[in-house]
PDB file of all heavy atoms in Angstrom:
ATOM      1  N   TYR A   1     -10.557  -1.359 -10.819  1.00  0.00           N
ATOM      2  CA  TYR A   1     -11.502  -1.422  -9.699  1.00  0.00           C
ATOM      3  C   TYR A   1     -11.176  -2.637  -8.852  1.00  0.00           C
ATOM      4  O   TYR A   1     -10.363  -3.496  -9.227  1.00  0.00           O
ATOM      5  CB  TYR A   1     -12.960  -1.439 -10.174  1.00  0.00           C
ATOM      6  CG  TYR A   1     -13.446  -2.712 -10.831  1.00  0.00           C
ATOM      7  CD1 TYR A   1     -14.179  -3.657 -10.112  1.00  0.00           C
ATOM      8  CD2 TYR A   1     -13.214  -2.955 -12.175  1.00  0.00           C
ATOM      9  CE1 TYR A   1     -14.658  -4.811 -10.715  1.00  0.00           C
ATOM     10  CE2 TYR A   1     -13.679  -4.103 -12.793  1.00  0.00           C
ATOM     11  CZ  TYR A   1     -14.392  -5.034 -12.051  1.00  0.00           C
ATOM     12  OH  TYR A   1     -14.862  -6.179 -12.650  1.00  0.00           O
ATOM     13  N   ALA A   2     -11.797  -2.694  -7.665  1.00  0.00           N
ATOM     14  CA  ALA A   2     -11.620  -3.831  -6.768  1.00  0.00           C
ATOM     15  C   ALA A   2     -12.990  -4.306  -6.292  1.00  0.00           C
ATOM     16  O   ALA A   2     -13.919  -3.506  -6.142  1.00  0.00           O
ATOM     17  CB  ALA A   2     -10.749  -3.455  -5.581  1.00  0.00           C
ATOM     18  N   GLU A   3     -13.097  -5.610  -6.066  1.00  0.00           N
ATOM     19  CA  GLU A   3     -14.356  -6.213  -5.628  1.00  0.00           C
ATOM     20  C   GLU A   3     -14.118  -7.034  -4.366  1.00  0.00           C
ATOM     21  O   GLU A   3     -13.151  -7.788  -4.280  1.00  0.00           O
ATOM     22  CB  GLU A   3     -14.907  -7.114  -6.736  1.00  0.00           C
ATOM     23  CG  GLU A   3     -16.211  -7.796  -6.398  1.00  0.00           C
ATOM     24  CD  GLU A   3     -16.720  -8.681  -7.518  1.00  0.00           C
ATOM     25  OE1 GLU A   3     -16.001  -8.835  -8.543  1.00  0.00           O
ATOM     26  OE2 GLU A   3     -17.837  -9.228  -7.382  1.00  0.00           O
ATOM     27  N   ALA A   4     -14.993  -6.874  -3.388  1.00  0.00           N
ATOM     28  CA  ALA A   4     -14.853  -7.593  -2.121  1.00  0.00           C
ATOM     29  C   ALA A   4     -15.498  -8.966  -2.189  1.00  0.00           C
ATOM     30  O   ALA A   4     -16.566  -9.146  -2.776  1.00  0.00           O
ATOM     31  CB  ALA A   4     -15.491  -6.788  -0.999  1.00  0.00           C
ATOM     32  N   PHE A   5     -14.822  -9.939  -1.553  1.00  0.00           N
ATOM     33  CA  PHE A   5     -15.393 -11.258  -1.313  1.00  0.00           C
ATOM     34  C   PHE A   5     -15.391 -11.489   0.197  1.00  0.00           C
ATOM     35  O   PHE A   5     -15.272 -10.531   0.960  1.00  0.00           O
ATOM     36  CB  PHE A   5     -14.625 -12.319  -2.096  1.00  0.00           C
ATOM     37  CG  PHE A   5     -14.810 -12.176  -3.586  1.00  0.00           C
ATOM     38  CD1 PHE A   5     -13.886 -11.475  -4.361  1.00  0.00           C
ATOM     39  CD2 PHE A   5     -15.930 -12.694  -4.210  1.00  0.00           C
ATOM     40  CE1 PHE A   5     -14.077 -11.317  -5.727  1.00  0.00           C
ATOM     41  CE2 PHE A   5     -16.125 -12.541  -5.585  1.00  0.00           C
ATOM     42  CZ  PHE A   5     -15.195 -11.842  -6.340  1.00  0.00           C
ATOM     43  N   SER A   6     -15.498 -12.685   0.666  1.00  0.00           N
ATOM     44  CA  SER A   6     -15.665 -12.910   2.106  1.00  0.00           C
ATOM     45  C   SER A   6     -14.468 -12.404   2.921  1.00  0.00           C
ATOM     46  O   SER A   6     -14.625 -11.592   3.824  1.00  0.00           O
ATOM     47  CB  SER A   6     -15.924 -14.389   2.390  1.00  0.00           C
ATOM     48  OG  SER A   6     -14.898 -15.192   1.843  1.00  0.00           O
ATOM     49  N   HIS A   7     -13.266 -12.887   2.603  1.00  0.00           N
ATOM     50  CA  HIS A   7     -12.079 -12.464   3.351  1.00  0.00           C
ATOM     51  C   HIS A   7     -10.984 -11.952   2.424  1.00  0.00           C
ATOM     52  O   HIS A   7      -9.845 -11.778   2.852  1.00  0.00           O
ATOM     53  CB  HIS A   7     -11.530 -13.622   4.197  1.00  0.00           C
ATOM     54  CG  HIS A   7     -12.518 -14.124   5.210  1.00  0.00           C
ATOM     55  ND1 HIS A   7     -12.906 -13.369   6.292  1.00  0.00           N
ATOM     56  CD2 HIS A   7     -13.216 -15.287   5.285  1.00  0.00           C
ATOM     57  CE1 HIS A   7     -13.793 -14.049   7.011  1.00  0.00           C
ATOM     58  NE2 HIS A   7     -14.006 -15.217   6.407  1.00  0.00           N
ATOM     59  N   THR A   8     -11.300 -11.751   1.172  1.00  0.00           N
ATOM     60  CA  THR A   8     -10.309 -11.293   0.196  1.00  0.00           C
ATOM     61  C   THR A   8     -10.935 -10.232  -0.703  1.00  0.00           C
ATOM     62  O   THR A   8     -12.130  -9.956  -0.629  1.00  0.00           O
ATOM     63  CB  THR A   8      -9.810 -12.458  -0.685  1.00  0.00           C
ATOM     64  OG1 THR A   8     -10.916 -12.978  -1.435  1.00  0.00           O
ATOM     65  CG2 THR A   8      -9.190 -13.562   0.150  1.00  0.00           C
ATOM     66  N   ALA A   9     -10.097  -9.645  -1.529  1.00  0.00           N
ATOM     67  CA  ALA A   9     -10.573  -8.704  -2.550  1.00  0.00           C
ATOM     68  C   ALA A   9      -9.924  -9.077  -3.875  1.00  0.00           C
ATOM     69  O   ALA A   9      -8.780  -9.542  -3.915  1.00  0.00           O
ATOM     70  CB  ALA A   9     -10.223  -7.265  -2.169  1.00  0.00           C
ATOM     71  N   ALA A  10     -10.654  -8.905  -4.954  1.00  0.00           N
ATOM     72  CA  ALA A  10     -10.109  -9.116  -6.294  1.00  0.00           C
ATOM     73  C   ALA A  10      -9.773  -7.762  -6.896  1.00  0.00           C
ATOM     74  O   ALA A  10     -10.595  -6.840  -6.867  1.00  0.00           O
ATOM     75  CB  ALA A  10     -11.107  -9.855  -7.178  1.00  0.00           C
ATOM     76  N   LEU A  11      -8.557  -7.629  -7.410  1.00  0.00           N
ATOM     77  CA  LEU A  11      -8.133  -6.419  -8.113  1.00  0.00           C
ATOM     78  C   LEU A  11      -8.242  -6.682  -9.608  1.00  0.00           C
ATOM     79  O   LEU A  11      -7.731  -7.693 -10.100  1.00  0.00           O
ATOM     80  CB  LEU A  11      -6.687  -6.066  -7.762  1.00  0.00           C
ATOM     81  CG  LEU A  11      -6.346  -5.831  -6.290  1.00  0.00           C
ATOM     82  CD1 LEU A  11      -4.863  -5.562  -6.147  1.00  0.00           C
ATOM     83  CD2 LEU A  11      -7.149  -4.679  -5.736  1.00  0.00           C
ATOM     84  N   TYR A  12      -8.872  -5.769 -10.323  1.00  0.00           N
ATOM     85  CA  TYR A  12      -8.978  -5.893 -11.773  1.00  0.00           C
ATOM     86  C   TYR A  12      -8.065  -4.855 -12.399  1.00  0.00           C
ATOM     87  O   TYR A  12      -8.217  -3.643 -12.178  1.00  0.00           O
ATOM     88  CB  TYR A  12     -10.432  -5.725 -12.205  1.00  0.00           C
ATOM     89  CG  TYR A  12     -11.297  -6.846 -11.680  1.00  0.00           C
ATOM     90  CD1 TYR A  12     -11.923  -6.760 -10.439  1.00  0.00           C
ATOM     91  CD2 TYR A  12     -11.446  -8.031 -12.408  1.00  0.00           C
ATOM     92  CE1 TYR A  12     -12.681  -7.804  -9.938  1.00  0.00           C
ATOM     93  CE2 TYR A  12     -12.203  -9.084 -11.913  1.00  0.00           C
ATOM     94  CZ  TYR A  12     -12.819  -8.967 -10.687  1.00  0.00           C
ATOM     95  OH  TYR A  12     -13.567 -10.017 -10.188  1.00  0.00           O
ATOM     96  N   LEU A  13      -7.105  -5.339 -13.173  1.00  0.00           N
ATOM     97  CA  LEU A  13      -6.025  -4.504 -13.703  1.00  0.00           C
ATOM     98  C   LEU A  13      -6.168  -4.298 -15.203  1.00  0.00           C
ATOM     99  O   LEU A  13      -6.756  -5.113 -15.902  1.00  0.00           O
ATOM    100  CB  LEU A  13      -4.667  -5.155 -13.415  1.00  0.00           C
ATOM    101  CG  LEU A  13      -4.417  -5.662 -12.000  1.00  0.00           C
ATOM    102  CD1 LEU A  13      -3.050  -6.315 -11.916  1.00  0.00           C
ATOM    103  CD2 LEU A  13      -4.527  -4.535 -10.987  1.00  0.00           C
ATOM    104  N   THR A  14      -5.578  -3.217 -15.683  1.00  0.00           N
ATOM    105  CA  THR A  14      -5.563  -2.954 -17.122  1.00  0.00           C
ATOM    106  C   THR A  14      -4.904  -4.130 -17.845  1.00  0.00           C
ATOM    107  O   THR A  14      -4.016  -4.785 -17.302  1.00  0.00           O
ATOM    108  CB  THR A  14      -4.790  -1.665 -17.442  1.00  0.00           C
ATOM    109  OG1 THR A  14      -3.464  -1.770 -16.905  1.00  0.00           O
ATOM    110  CG2 THR A  14      -5.488  -0.455 -16.856  1.00  0.00           C
ATOM    111  N   PRO A  15      -5.317  -4.414 -19.082  1.00  0.00           N
ATOM    112  CA  PRO A  15      -4.737  -5.547 -19.821  1.00  0.00           C
ATOM    113  C   PRO A  15      -3.239  -5.373 -20.033  1.00  0.00           C
ATOM    114  O   PRO A  15      -2.732  -4.255 -20.167  1.00  0.00           O
ATOM    115  CB  PRO A  15      -5.488  -5.507 -21.156  1.00  0.00           C
ATOM    116  CG  PRO A  15      -6.727  -4.726 -20.890  1.00  0.00           C
ATOM    117  CD  PRO A  15      -6.379  -3.730 -19.832  1.00  0.00           C
ATOM    118  N   GLU A  16      -2.541  -6.487 -20.048  1.00  0.00           N
ATOM    119  CA  GLU A  16      -1.099  -6.438 -20.286  1.00  0.00           C
ATOM    120  C   GLU A  16      -0.777  -6.212 -21.755  1.00  0.00           C
ATOM    121  O   GLU A  16       0.289  -5.704 -22.095  1.00  0.00           O
ATOM    122  CB  GLU A  16      -0.456  -7.725 -19.774  1.00  0.00           C
ATOM    123  CG  GLU A  16      -0.569  -7.876 -18.257  1.00  0.00           C
ATOM    124  CD  GLU A  16       0.078  -9.134 -17.742  1.00  0.00           C
ATOM    125  OE1 GLU A  16       0.513  -9.971 -18.578  1.00  0.00           O
ATOM    126  OE2 GLU A  16       0.156  -9.296 -16.505  1.00  0.00           O
ATOM    127  N   LYS A  17      -1.708  -6.583 -22.647  1.00  0.00           N
ATOM    128  CA  LYS A  17      -1.510  -6.384 -24.081  1.00  0.00           C
ATOM    129  C   LYS A  17      -2.774  -5.792 -24.691  1.00  0.00           C
ATOM    130  O   LYS A  17      -3.880  -6.040 -24.201  1.00  0.00           O
ATOM    131  CB  LYS A  17      -1.169  -7.703 -24.778  1.00  0.00           C
ATOM    132  CG  LYS A  17       0.156  -8.313 -24.343  1.00  0.00           C
ATOM    133  CD  LYS A  17       0.417  -9.623 -25.079  1.00  0.00           C
ATOM    134  CE  LYS A  17       1.728 -10.259 -24.641  1.00  0.00           C
ATOM    135  NZ  LYS A  17       1.956 -11.553 -25.342  1.00  0.00           N
ATOM    136  N   ALA A  18      -2.604  -5.034 -25.765  1.00  0.00           N
ATOM    137  CA  ALA A  18      -3.754  -4.438 -26.448  1.00  0.00           C
ATOM    138  C   ALA A  18      -4.700  -5.524 -26.929  1.00  0.00           C
ATOM    139  O   ALA A  18      -4.278  -6.579 -27.424  1.00  0.00           O
ATOM    140  CB  ALA A  18      -3.276  -3.594 -27.630  1.00  0.00           C
ATOM    141  N   GLY A  19      -5.999  -5.273 -26.769  1.00  0.00           N
ATOM    142  CA  GLY A  19      -7.004  -6.212 -27.224  1.00  0.00           C
ATOM    143  C   GLY A  19      -7.389  -7.259 -26.207  1.00  0.00           C
ATOM    144  O   GLY A  19      -8.373  -7.984 -26.404  1.00  0.00           O
ATOM    145  N   GLU A  20      -6.656  -7.359 -25.116  1.00  0.00           N
ATOM    146  CA  GLU A  20      -6.998  -8.330 -24.089  1.00  0.00           C
ATOM    147  C   GLU A  20      -7.989  -7.725 -23.104  1.00  0.00           C
ATOM    148  O   GLU A  20      -8.187  -6.510 -23.057  1.00  0.00           O
ATOM    149  CB  GLU A  20      -5.728  -8.785 -23.352  1.00  0.00           C
ATOM    150  CG  GLU A  20      -4.766  -9.582 -24.215  1.00  0.00           C
ATOM    151  CD  GLU A  20      -3.562 -10.076 -23.435  1.00  0.00           C
ATOM    152  OE1 GLU A  20      -3.377  -9.630 -22.281  1.00  0.00           O
ATOM    153  OE2 GLU A  20      -2.817 -10.918 -23.975  1.00  0.00           O
ATOM    154  N   SER A  21      -8.612  -8.570 -22.292  1.00  0.00           N
ATOM    155  CA  SER A  21      -9.546  -8.095 -21.274  1.00  0.00           C
ATOM    156  C   SER A  21      -8.803  -7.837 -19.966  1.00  0.00           C
ATOM    157  O   SER A  21      -7.610  -8.127 -19.838  1.00  0.00           O
ATOM    158  CB  SER A  21     -10.652  -9.129 -21.071  1.00  0.00           C
ATOM    159  OG  SER A  21     -10.099 -10.379 -20.711  1.00  0.00           O
ATOM    160  N   LEU A  22      -9.535  -7.291 -18.991  1.00  0.00           N
ATOM    161  CA  LEU A  22      -8.933  -7.024 -17.690  1.00  0.00           C
ATOM    162  C   LEU A  22      -8.397  -8.307 -17.069  1.00  0.00           C
ATOM    163  O   LEU A  22      -8.998  -9.369 -17.188  1.00  0.00           O
ATOM    164  CB  LEU A  22      -9.974  -6.414 -16.743  1.00  0.00           C
ATOM    165  CG  LEU A  22     -10.531  -5.034 -17.100  1.00  0.00           C
ATOM    166  CD1 LEU A  22     -11.592  -4.643 -16.088  1.00  0.00           C
ATOM    167  CD2 LEU A  22      -9.427  -3.994 -17.139  1.00  0.00           C
ATOM    168  N   CYS A  23      -7.250  -8.200 -16.413  1.00  0.00           N
ATOM    169  CA  CYS A  23      -6.729  -9.348 -15.677  1.00  0.00           C
ATOM    170  C   CYS A  23      -6.962  -9.110 -14.186  1.00  0.00           C
ATOM    171  O   CYS A  23      -7.194  -7.979 -13.761  1.00  0.00           O
ATOM    172  CB  CYS A  23      -5.247  -9.572 -15.979  1.00  0.00           C
ATOM    173  SG  CYS A  23      -4.196  -8.122 -15.774  1.00  0.00           S
ATOM    174  N   SER A  24      -6.937 -10.155 -13.392  1.00  0.00           N
ATOM    175  CA  SER A  24      -7.273 -10.015 -11.978  1.00  0.00           C
ATOM    176  C   SER A  24      -6.178 -10.603 -11.094  1.00  0.00           C
ATOM    177  O   SER A  24      -5.418 -11.480 -11.511  1.00  0.00           O
ATOM    178  CB  SER A  24      -8.609 -10.688 -11.668  1.00  0.00           C
ATOM    179  OG  SER A  24      -8.525 -12.075 -11.873  1.00  0.00           O
ATOM    180  N   ARG A  25      -6.125 -10.072  -9.858  1.00  0.00           N
ATOM    181  CA  ARG A  25      -5.226 -10.573  -8.831  1.00  0.00           C
ATOM    182  C   ARG A  25      -6.006 -10.670  -7.521  1.00  0.00           C
ATOM    183  O   ARG A  25      -6.863  -9.838  -7.249  1.00  0.00           O
ATOM    184  CB  ARG A  25      -4.028  -9.633  -8.617  1.00  0.00           C
ATOM    185  CG  ARG A  25      -3.135  -9.442  -9.813  1.00  0.00           C
ATOM    186  CD  ARG A  25      -2.310 -10.683 -10.111  1.00  0.00           C
ATOM    187  NE  ARG A  25      -1.298 -10.405 -11.104  1.00  0.00           N
ATOM    188  CZ  ARG A  25      -1.510 -10.403 -12.421  1.00  0.00           C
ATOM    189  NH1 ARG A  25      -2.730 -10.674 -12.897  1.00  0.00           N
ATOM    190  NH2 ARG A  25      -0.544 -10.138 -13.266  1.00  0.00           N
TER     191      ARG A  25
END
C-alpha cells in the first residue's frame, strides 16, 4: 500500500526476509 504525506508518498513493501515487517520507501 501507499500513504500520502504533504508532498511525498510512503510505499510499504513486502518484507525482504521471512519474519520481518513491511519495509518502506
